[in-house]
Protein backbone atom coordinates (compact mmCIF):
# COMPACT_ATOMS: atom_id res chain seq x y z
CA MET A 1 -0.10 -0.14 0.12
CA PRO A 2 1.36 3.53 -0.73
CA ASP A 3 1.62 4.24 2.99
CA GLY A 4 4.30 1.72 3.48
CA VAL A 5 2.66 0.02 6.56
CA PRO A 6 4.91 -2.79 8.31
CA GLY A 7 3.53 -6.04 7.95
CA PHE A 8 1.31 -5.53 4.99
CA PRO A 9 3.52 -6.89 1.97
CA ILE A 10 3.15 -4.65 -1.15
CA SER A 11 3.25 -5.16 -4.63
CA ARG A 12 6.31 -3.23 -6.28
CA ARG A 13 4.79 -2.70 -9.45
CA GLY A 14 1.69 -1.46 -8.09
CA LEU A 15 3.24 1.31 -6.19
CA PHE A 16 5.15 2.81 -9.00
CA GLY A 17 3.58 1.28 -12.11
CA ALA A 18 2.75 2.74 -15.45
CA ALA A 19 -0.91 2.83 -14.75
CA ALA A 20 -1.54 6.14 -13.34
CA GLY A 21 -2.99 6.05 -9.76
CA LEU A 22 -3.12 2.62 -9.24
CA ALA A 23 -1.27 2.55 -6.15
CA ALA A 24 -2.34 5.87 -4.53
CA THR A 25 -5.45 6.70 -2.32
CA ALA A 26 -6.66 10.38 -3.09
CA ALA A 27 -8.83 13.12 -1.49
CA LEU A 28 -12.58 13.52 -2.20
CA ALA A 29 -15.05 16.08 -0.23
CA ALA A 30 -14.58 15.45 3.30
CA CYS A 31 -16.98 12.81 4.46
CA SER A 32 -19.27 13.94 7.30
CA SER A 33 -19.66 10.34 8.48
CA SER A 34 -17.65 7.06 7.78
CA LYS A 35 -21.28 5.37 7.26
CA ASP A 36 -22.08 7.53 4.64
CA SER A 37 -18.66 7.56 3.06
CA SER A 38 -18.37 3.32 2.82
CA THR A 39 -21.77 2.67 1.42
CA SER A 40 -21.26 4.24 -2.18
CA SER A 41 -18.80 4.24 -4.82
CA THR A 42 -18.28 6.88 -7.48
CA THR A 43 -18.33 3.75 -10.28
CA THR A 44 -20.63 1.16 -10.11
CA THR A 45 -19.24 -1.10 -12.78
CA THR A 46 -20.78 -4.73 -12.07
CA THR A 47 -19.69 -8.21 -13.57
CA ALA A 48 -23.16 -9.33 -13.38
CA ALA A 49 -23.90 -8.75 -17.10
CA GLY A 50 -20.81 -10.29 -18.46
CA GLY A 51 -20.72 -13.42 -20.80
CA SER A 52 -22.68 -16.42 -20.24
CA ASP A 53 -20.02 -19.43 -21.03
CA PRO A 54 -18.57 -20.95 -17.96
CA LYS A 55 -14.88 -19.47 -18.45
CA SER A 56 -16.27 -16.02 -18.70
CA ILE A 57 -18.33 -16.27 -15.65
CA ALA A 58 -15.46 -17.93 -13.75
CA THR A 59 -13.27 -15.20 -14.92
CA ASP A 60 -15.72 -12.58 -13.42
CA ALA A 61 -16.16 -14.71 -10.40
CA TYR A 62 -12.29 -14.59 -9.64
CA ILE A 63 -12.18 -10.76 -10.12
CA PHE A 64 -15.05 -10.47 -7.51
CA GLY A 65 -13.74 -12.85 -4.94
CA TYR A 66 -10.05 -12.01 -5.20
CA PRO A 67 -10.02 -9.31 -2.43
CA LEU A 68 -11.96 -11.57 -0.09
CA VAL A 69 -9.36 -14.21 -0.64
CA LEU A 70 -6.35 -11.90 -0.45
CA MET A 71 -7.54 -10.30 2.97
CA ASP A 72 -7.86 -13.71 4.45
CA ALA A 73 -4.26 -14.55 3.57
CA THR A 74 -3.04 -11.40 4.76
CA ARG A 75 -4.96 -11.52 7.93
CA ALA A 76 -3.31 -15.47 8.57
CA THR A 77 0.17 -13.58 8.70
CA ALA A 78 -0.68 -11.37 11.18
CA ALA A 79 -1.00 -11.47 15.01
CA PRO A 80 -3.47 -13.59 16.42
CA THR A 81 -7.21 -12.60 15.91
CA ASN A 82 -8.46 -9.92 18.47
CA THR A 83 -4.74 -8.91 19.38
CA LEU A 84 -3.28 -5.33 18.87
CA LEU A 85 0.04 -5.48 17.10
CA ARG A 86 1.89 -2.18 17.91
CA PHE A 87 4.80 -1.22 15.55
CA ASP A 88 7.03 0.98 17.45
CA LYS A 89 10.01 1.29 14.84
CA THR A 90 10.65 4.44 12.96
CA PRO A 91 12.15 3.47 9.57
CA SER A 92 15.41 4.02 8.15
CA PRO A 93 17.16 3.55 4.96
CA ASP A 94 18.61 0.41 6.15
CA ASP A 95 14.97 -1.04 6.70
CA LYS A 96 14.50 -3.05 3.54
CA THR A 97 11.42 -4.99 4.46
CA VAL A 98 8.70 -2.48 3.49
CA VAL A 99 8.48 -0.60 0.27
CA THR A 100 7.62 3.20 -0.06
CA PRO A 101 7.94 3.65 4.22
CA ASN A 102 6.36 6.07 5.92
CA VAL A 103 8.18 8.36 8.36
CA ASP A 104 4.80 10.36 9.09
CA THR A 105 3.20 8.28 11.41
CA LEU A 106 3.75 5.01 13.60
CA TYR A 107 1.19 2.06 13.26
CA SER A 108 -0.94 -0.23 15.12
CA GLN A 109 -3.04 -2.98 13.40
CA ALA A 110 -5.60 -5.58 14.36
CA TRP A 111 -7.90 -8.36 12.72
CA LEU A 112 -11.00 -8.84 14.67
CA ASP A 113 -13.53 -11.72 14.75
CA LEU A 114 -16.79 -10.01 15.94
CA ARG A 115 -18.86 -13.30 15.46
CA ALA A 116 -18.89 -14.34 19.48
CA GLU A 117 -19.05 -10.51 20.69
CA PRO A 118 -18.04 -6.96 19.75
CA MET A 119 -14.59 -5.81 20.38
CA VAL A 120 -14.08 -2.59 22.11
CA LEU A 121 -11.22 -0.15 21.24
CA GLN A 122 -10.27 2.81 22.84
CA ILE A 123 -7.88 5.48 21.50
CA PRO A 124 -6.16 7.76 24.27
CA VAL A 125 -6.18 11.35 24.56
CA MET A 126 -3.63 13.29 22.41
CA PRO A 127 -4.06 17.00 21.97
CA ASP A 128 -2.49 18.40 18.82
CA ARG A 129 -1.83 15.15 17.32
CA TYR A 130 -3.12 13.67 14.40
CA TRP A 131 -4.57 9.99 14.45
CA LEU A 132 -6.79 7.59 12.23
CA ALA A 133 -8.36 4.36 13.08
CA GLN A 134 -9.45 2.86 9.48
CA MET A 135 -11.80 -0.58 9.93
CA MET A 136 -12.32 -2.47 6.95
CA ASP A 137 -14.59 -5.33 6.17
CA ALA A 138 -13.48 -8.60 4.79
CA TRP A 139 -14.38 -7.38 1.20
CA THR A 140 -11.42 -4.31 1.84
CA ASN A 141 -14.14 -1.62 2.03
CA THR A 142 -13.27 0.89 4.63
CA VAL A 143 -16.55 0.95 6.76
CA HIS A 144 -15.76 3.44 9.61
CA ASN A 145 -12.68 5.94 9.98
CA PRO A 146 -12.68 7.86 13.20
CA SER A 147 -9.89 10.33 13.49
CA SER A 148 -8.54 13.29 15.38
CA VAL A 149 -10.53 15.26 12.65
CA ARG A 150 -13.79 13.62 12.63
CA PRO A 151 -13.54 11.37 16.09
CA GLN A 152 -17.35 10.17 15.27
CA VAL A 153 -18.24 9.34 18.88
CA SER A 154 -21.65 9.72 20.42
CA GLY A 155 -22.53 12.99 22.12
CA GLY A 156 -19.92 14.87 19.97
CA GLY A 157 -17.11 14.62 22.89
CA GLN A 158 -13.86 15.86 21.07
CA SER A 159 -11.31 15.35 23.93
CA GLY A 160 -11.08 11.63 24.49
CA PRO A 161 -10.23 9.00 25.31
CA PHE A 162 -12.51 7.84 22.26
CA THR A 163 -14.18 4.47 22.87
CA TYR A 164 -15.90 2.55 20.19
CA ALA A 165 -17.43 -0.86 20.28
CA VAL A 166 -16.97 -2.63 17.02
CA THR A 167 -19.99 -4.69 16.27
CA GLY A 168 -20.63 -7.83 13.93
CA PRO A 169 -23.67 -8.66 11.85
CA GLY A 170 -26.93 -9.25 13.65
CA TRP A 171 -25.29 -8.17 16.98
CA ASN A 172 -28.30 -6.54 19.33
CA GLY A 173 -27.09 -6.34 22.89
CA GLN A 174 -26.83 -3.56 25.15
CA LEU A 175 -23.37 -1.39 25.47
CA PRO A 176 -22.20 0.33 28.56
CA ASP A 177 -22.47 3.98 28.55
CA GLY A 178 -19.32 5.75 27.13
CA LEU A 179 -19.19 3.69 23.86
CA THR A 180 -19.78 4.38 20.72
CA ARG A 181 -21.24 1.65 18.65
CA LEU A 182 -19.66 0.86 15.05
CA ASP A 183 -21.27 -1.61 13.05
CA MET A 184 -19.27 -3.89 10.59
CA PRO A 185 -21.04 -5.96 8.01
CA THR A 186 -18.69 -8.75 8.05
CA GLY A 187 -17.61 -10.59 11.20
CA THR A 188 -13.96 -10.37 9.84
CA THR A 189 -12.46 -6.86 10.44
CA TRP A 190 -9.31 -4.96 9.77
CA ILE A 191 -7.99 -2.02 12.00
CA ILE A 192 -5.05 0.08 11.04
CA ILE A 193 -4.30 2.82 13.33
CA ARG A 194 -2.18 5.53 12.56
CA PHE A 195 -0.38 8.15 15.23
CA ALA A 196 1.33 11.12 13.68
CA LEU A 197 5.10 11.65 14.55
CA ASN A 198 5.21 15.35 14.85
CA SER A 199 9.38 15.72 14.61
CA PRO A 200 12.24 13.25 14.37
CA GLU A 201 12.44 13.60 18.35
CA ASP A 202 8.82 12.42 18.76
CA HIS A 203 9.12 8.59 18.44
CA ASP A 204 9.21 8.10 22.36
CA ALA A 205 6.17 9.91 22.83
CA VAL A 206 4.41 8.61 20.07
CA VAL A 207 5.30 4.75 21.38
CA ALA A 208 4.07 5.80 24.81
CA LEU A 209 0.80 6.65 23.25
CA GLN A 210 0.31 3.44 21.22
CA ASN A 211 0.76 1.74 24.74
CA GLN A 212 -2.31 3.26 25.87
CA ILE A 213 -4.39 2.13 23.07
CA LYS A 214 -6.99 -0.47 24.53
CA LEU A 215 -8.55 -3.35 22.56
CA MET A 216 -10.50 -6.11 24.32
CA PRO A 217 -13.61 -8.13 24.03
CA LEU A 218 -17.18 -6.33 25.30
CA SER A 219 -16.96 -8.99 28.03
CA ALA A 220 -13.39 -8.07 29.43
CA TRP A 221 -14.16 -4.33 29.05
CA THR A 222 -17.61 -4.74 31.25
CA ALA A 223 -15.37 -6.91 33.74
CA ASN A 224 -12.53 -4.31 34.07
CA PRO A 225 -11.78 -1.72 31.33
CA ASP A 226 -8.45 -0.99 32.92
CA THR A 227 -7.34 -4.40 31.78
CA PRO A 228 -4.03 -4.04 30.05
CA THR A 229 -3.68 -4.52 26.25
CA PRO A 230 -0.45 -6.79 25.58
CA ASN A 231 1.39 -6.07 22.42
CA GLY A 232 1.09 -9.30 19.90
CA ALA A 233 3.55 -11.19 18.05
CA PRO A 234 3.27 -11.03 14.10
CA GLY A 235 2.79 -14.37 12.44
CA SER A 236 5.31 -16.13 10.23
CA MET A 237 5.24 -15.68 6.57
CA SER A 238 7.15 -17.92 3.91
CA ASP A 239 5.58 -16.13 0.87
CA SER A 240 3.61 -12.49 0.53
CA PRO A 241 -0.08 -12.93 0.90
CA ALA A 242 -0.53 -12.05 -2.95
CA LYS A 243 2.06 -14.73 -4.04
CA GLN A 244 0.14 -17.21 -2.04
CA VAL A 245 -3.34 -16.30 -3.74
CA GLN A 246 -1.50 -16.18 -7.16
CA ASN A 247 -0.31 -19.58 -6.80
CA MET A 248 -3.60 -21.09 -6.21
CA ASP A 249 -4.98 -23.24 -8.93
CA GLY A 250 -8.92 -22.80 -9.81
CA ALA A 251 -10.08 -25.38 -7.41
CA ALA A 252 -8.18 -24.01 -4.58
CA PHE A 253 -9.13 -20.69 -5.27
CA PHE A 254 -13.03 -20.91 -5.67
CA ALA A 255 -12.95 -23.51 -2.45
CA LYS A 256 -11.38 -20.82 -0.34
CA LEU A 257 -13.69 -18.10 -1.94
CA ASN A 258 -16.76 -20.38 -1.18
CA GLU A 259 -15.68 -20.85 2.15
CA LEU A 260 -14.77 -17.25 2.97
CA MET A 261 -18.40 -16.19 1.60
CA ALA A 262 -20.11 -18.56 4.02
CA ALA A 263 -18.31 -16.84 6.72
CA ASP A 264 -18.24 -13.26 5.39
CA ALA A 265 -21.29 -12.61 3.10
CA PRO A 266 -21.26 -10.64 0.39
CA ALA A 267 -22.92 -7.23 0.26
CA PRO A 268 -26.80 -6.94 -0.68
CA ALA A 269 -25.68 -5.32 -3.49
CA ASP A 270 -23.85 -8.13 -5.10
CA ALA A 271 -27.13 -10.08 -5.66
CA ASP A 272 -27.02 -9.89 -9.37
CA ALA A 273 -23.28 -11.01 -9.66
CA LEU A 274 -23.98 -13.96 -7.13
CA ALA A 275 -26.89 -15.28 -9.20
CA ARG A 276 -24.70 -15.43 -12.36
CA PHE A 277 -21.86 -17.08 -10.36
CA ALA A 278 -24.15 -19.59 -8.66
CA GLY A 279 -24.53 -21.43 -11.68
CA LEU A 280 -20.95 -22.95 -11.24
CA GLY A 281 -21.37 -23.22 -7.86
CA ILE A 282 -19.37 -20.24 -6.77
CA LYS A 283 -21.51 -19.17 -3.65
CA PRO A 284 -21.49 -19.18 -0.23
CA GLY A 285 -20.47 -22.94 1.16
CA GLY A 286 -21.00 -24.12 -2.66
CA SER A 287 -18.50 -26.45 -4.54
CA VAL A 288 -17.68 -25.58 -8.39
CA THR A 289 -19.43 -27.65 -10.85
CA GLY A 290 -20.18 -27.64 -14.60
CA ILE A 291 -16.73 -26.54 -15.57
CA ASP A 292 -13.57 -28.54 -16.15
CA ALA A 293 -10.04 -27.82 -14.24
CA ASP A 294 -8.56 -26.68 -17.43
CA THR A 295 -10.76 -24.12 -18.33
CA LEU A 296 -11.19 -23.38 -14.94
CA ASN A 297 -7.30 -22.87 -14.50
CA SER A 298 -7.65 -20.48 -17.78
CA ALA A 299 -10.21 -18.38 -16.02
CA VAL A 300 -7.81 -17.74 -13.28
CA ARG A 301 -5.18 -16.74 -15.69
CA ASP A 302 -7.12 -14.51 -17.57
CA ALA A 303 -8.75 -12.74 -14.57
CA GLN A 304 -5.11 -12.25 -12.95
CA GLN A 305 -4.06 -10.61 -16.05
CA ARG A 306 -7.16 -8.77 -16.32
CA ILE A 307 -6.79 -7.63 -12.65
CA HIS A 308 -3.15 -6.71 -13.28
CA ASP A 309 -3.74 -4.63 -16.07
CA TYR A 310 -6.66 -2.70 -15.27
CA LYS A 311 -6.49 1.02 -15.41
CA ASN A 312 -8.62 3.18 -13.42
CA PRO A 313 -10.78 5.41 -15.62
CA SER A 314 -10.83 7.82 -12.54
CA ALA A 315 -7.40 8.26 -11.88
CA LYS A 316 -5.80 11.73 -12.17
CA ASP A 317 -2.27 12.30 -13.72
CA VAL A 318 -1.37 16.19 -13.39
CA ASN A 319 2.03 17.80 -13.64
CA GLY A 320 3.77 14.11 -13.69
CA TRP A 321 2.03 13.17 -10.48
CA SER A 322 -0.73 10.28 -10.30
CA TYR A 323 -3.19 9.42 -7.94
CA ALA A 324 -6.81 8.36 -7.65
CA THR A 325 -10.08 9.65 -5.78
CA ASN A 326 -12.15 6.91 -5.90
CA LEU A 327 -10.55 4.36 -3.50
CA GLY A 328 -11.16 2.88 0.01
CA THR A 329 -15.15 1.94 -1.15
CA TYR A 330 -15.81 0.35 -4.06
CA GLY A 331 -19.80 -0.70 -4.20
CA THR A 332 -20.03 -3.14 -7.18
CA ASP A 333 -17.10 -1.86 -9.12
CA TYR A 334 -15.37 -5.28 -8.78
CA PRO A 335 -12.48 -4.56 -11.30
CA LEU A 336 -11.41 -1.70 -9.41
CA ARG A 337 -11.55 -3.34 -5.95
CA ALA A 338 -9.54 -6.23 -7.27
CA ASN A 339 -6.86 -3.79 -8.74
CA THR A 340 -6.72 -1.93 -5.68
CA ALA A 341 -6.51 -5.08 -3.49
CA LEU A 342 -3.72 -6.17 -5.49
CA THR A 343 -1.68 -2.86 -5.78
CA ALA A 344 -2.73 -0.82 -2.68
CA LEU A 345 -4.36 -3.18 -0.30
CA GLY A 346 -5.54 -1.25 2.95
CA ALA A 347 -6.20 2.01 0.76
CA ASN A 348 -7.71 4.61 2.73
CA LEU A 349 -10.89 6.67 2.01
CA PRO A 350 -10.45 10.11 0.04
CA ALA A 351 -11.58 11.62 3.03
CA ASP A 352 -8.61 10.52 4.94
CA ALA A 353 -5.55 10.59 2.80
CA ILE A 354 -4.58 11.59 -0.81
CA TYR A 355 -1.22 10.20 -2.06
CA PRO A 356 0.23 11.94 -5.26
CA MET A 357 3.03 9.77 -6.55
CA MET A 358 5.77 10.43 -9.15
CA GLY A 359 7.92 7.62 -10.32
CA ASN A 360 11.27 7.17 -12.25
CA VAL A 361 12.49 10.79 -12.11
CA PRO A 362 16.12 11.08 -13.21
CA ALA A 363 18.57 11.79 -10.42
CA ASP A 364 21.45 12.64 -12.51
CA SER A 365 22.16 14.07 -16.17
CA GLY A 366 25.31 12.51 -18.29
CA GLY A 367 26.71 11.49 -14.69
CA ALA A 368 26.05 14.92 -13.08
CA PRO A 369 23.42 15.10 -9.90
CA ARG A 370 20.61 17.23 -10.68
CA THR A 371 18.85 19.77 -8.60
CA TYR A 372 15.17 20.00 -8.58
CA ARG A 373 12.81 22.45 -7.52
CA CYS A 374 9.19 21.96 -6.60
CA HIS A 375 7.38 25.52 -6.59
CA PHE A 376 4.17 26.07 -4.66
CA PRO A 377 2.30 29.45 -5.29
CA ALA A 378 1.28 31.52 -2.45
CA GLY A 379 -1.71 29.89 -0.80
CA GLN A 380 -1.23 26.68 -2.75
CA LEU A 381 0.55 24.50 -0.06
CA PRO A 382 -1.15 20.84 -0.36
CA PRO A 383 -4.53 21.53 1.29
CA ALA A 384 -4.92 19.17 4.38
CA ASP A 385 -6.46 19.59 7.65
CA ALA A 386 -4.05 17.41 9.58
CA PHE A 387 -0.57 18.00 7.51
CA TRP A 388 1.20 16.93 4.48
CA SER A 389 4.72 15.71 3.56
CA LEU A 390 6.88 14.78 0.76
CA THR A 391 9.23 11.78 0.81
CA ALA A 392 11.87 10.89 -1.72
CA TYR A 393 12.64 6.96 -2.39
CA THR A 394 15.56 5.22 -4.35
CA ALA A 395 14.70 3.46 -7.34
CA ASP A 396 13.94 0.31 -5.47
CA HIS A 397 11.54 2.40 -3.13
CA PHE A 398 13.33 2.63 0.05
CA LEU A 399 14.46 5.87 2.20
CA VAL A 400 17.34 7.86 0.57
CA SER A 401 20.44 7.53 2.82
CA ASN A 402 21.91 10.98 3.64
CA PRO A 403 24.34 12.32 6.83
CA ASP A 404 21.71 14.99 7.88
CA ASN A 405 19.07 12.08 8.10
CA ILE A 406 16.41 13.97 6.13
CA TYR A 407 13.73 11.69 4.96
CA SER A 408 10.42 13.94 4.41
CA VAL A 409 9.84 17.69 4.12
CA GLY A 410 6.34 19.75 4.62
CA HIS A 411 5.69 18.46 8.26
CA GLN A 412 8.79 17.76 10.14
CA PRO A 413 10.20 20.41 10.28
CA ALA A 414 7.83 22.90 8.61
CA VAL A 415 8.57 24.60 5.34
CA THR A 416 9.65 28.50 5.16
CA PRO A 417 8.07 30.33 2.79
CA ASN A 418 9.33 33.13 0.47
CA PRO A 419 8.60 36.76 1.09
CA ASP A 420 5.60 36.70 -1.08
CA GLY A 421 4.39 33.91 0.59
CA SER A 422 5.06 30.96 -2.14
CA VAL A 423 7.23 28.06 -0.99
CA ASP A 424 10.22 26.33 -3.00
CA LEU A 425 11.64 22.99 -2.05
CA VAL A 426 14.74 22.08 -3.19
CA LEU A 427 15.31 18.40 -4.29
CA GLN A 428 19.35 17.46 -4.57
CA ALA A 429 21.73 15.25 -3.17
CA ALA A 430 24.15 17.47 -1.93
CA LYS A 431 23.57 19.81 1.12
CA PRO A 432 22.33 23.41 -0.11
CA GLY A 433 23.80 26.57 1.23
CA PRO A 434 22.41 28.85 3.57
CA GLU A 435 20.11 30.04 0.89
CA VAL A 436 17.66 27.09 1.30
CA PRO A 437 15.91 27.26 4.83
CA GLN A 438 15.98 24.35 6.82
CA GLY A 439 12.64 22.24 6.15
CA ASN A 440 12.92 23.25 2.56
CA TRP A 441 15.67 20.81 1.45
CA LEU A 442 14.89 17.11 0.51
CA PRO A 443 17.59 14.86 -0.36
CA ILE A 444 17.48 12.77 -3.37
CA PRO A 445 19.92 10.32 -4.77
CA SER A 446 22.90 11.25 -6.69
CA SER A 447 22.43 8.88 -9.65
CA GLY A 448 20.02 6.81 -11.11
CA THR A 449 16.43 7.47 -10.69
CA PHE A 450 14.10 8.24 -7.64
CA ASP A 451 10.25 8.23 -6.68
CA LEU A 452 8.34 10.78 -4.93
CA ALA A 453 5.16 10.38 -2.56
CA MET A 454 3.28 13.35 -1.52
CA ARG A 455 1.00 12.50 1.47
CA LEU A 456 -1.79 14.44 2.56
CA TYR A 457 -3.59 13.84 5.60
CA ALA A 458 -7.47 14.65 5.78
CA PRO A 459 -7.37 16.58 2.40
CA ARG A 460 -9.72 19.22 2.02
CA ASP A 461 -12.12 19.58 -0.82
CA ASP A 462 -9.85 21.37 -3.25
CA ALA A 463 -7.41 18.64 -3.34
CA ALA A 464 -9.94 16.50 -5.38
CA ASN A 465 -12.21 18.96 -7.29
CA GLY A 466 -9.31 20.22 -9.72
CA SER A 467 -8.90 23.73 -8.12
CA TRP A 468 -5.63 22.58 -6.15
CA GLN A 469 -3.06 20.52 -8.13
CA PRO A 470 0.25 19.38 -7.32
CA PRO A 471 3.20 21.62 -8.73
CA ALA A 472 5.61 20.16 -11.51
CA LEU A 473 8.78 19.48 -10.74
CA THR A 474 11.41 21.63 -12.63
CA PRO A 475 15.12 20.66 -13.22
CA ASN A 476 17.66 23.43 -12.19
CA SER A 477 20.55 21.55 -13.50
């Protein structure tokens, strides 16, 4: 995923591929509630009207079910269910396990099974710090997104701690006072929690806040809400989840899909597609029938290629930056949902983050290091209610090593404007002279190519509607 979240294996092709915006979440008008933002998609392309031959049906069914199967494979590599896993390490250029690592936030995550009872999540008090608790269903849709910008707590309290009861389908019990109910449409739920790092020296303070996160079953909360929440240990992983799913033959994939659909039901809007797939036994708890193994395997290969090659028609390509504004919730747009799962699993809602990306920028010309300038006119810095940043990566998508240990600009420290209010960021390998203020220099490699990721947290409306656009990168030499 574009955020470079530890523990979530990523397709490098997806992060900086030729298809514009396939690996980037983006901004839309900020949603007033997560329930509203998670039940619709700007595109409603459905597979229900595809071909009637068995191979066509199976191909579309694979695209439909791929996110569910991939989510399950990803869950299997994580900490045990209903256990909080805190990642407390700040990335450095020596870290090679996660591509495009994010130096803006520290992460925690949990995979929930809500079938037995709700789980209680409490986010601690942290004035003046951005946080986001993204909650995804088993089909990769972000259903809830409480944050410091929009805590979404019952009664409108804004100071915290913020305490949520995450409930599964059909649960109708009573909650104690002080808990905000967040209903999930599937028993399987993936929570990713981000806490902002406000400076390089801020690490220990954020870790201390991570340690205050509480996650426990409702029954344990009712008995003693002060029960400590231990840190889970990540699971083992021989192959990335995406690789595991890719290696499944048709029989294995659809057997797993049918099993998972019985546990985490498709949405009511999927009824037409499910009716079409059911003729081949592709249904919750079903068994595939009416198609031979060779044809089924051929359908899998065709579907994998279609997912890989998909180009988001709503993706933006502006001044060399690529990003999208329609990720995080998908309705019946199954191709978009599948491609996003492959290239950016866990994509945020556009109300929460936008990630303009630029790849394969030449770092040298004829062997001489290049200098670039990114000029923001007055009043045209990236519009975000939380904060924004710009990070450079090497050609293999890791942080750029430099003696000053500067890995991003924009957030830590803040940029210095010119006298006319405009801002110039200087991108070069060598440390510039005093004419470039601290916070306005981003180190890049001295040779080869590099990539850029701009991150806007809680982006404003104009980041998506076209009135604001990321500026071009201009070479100075």
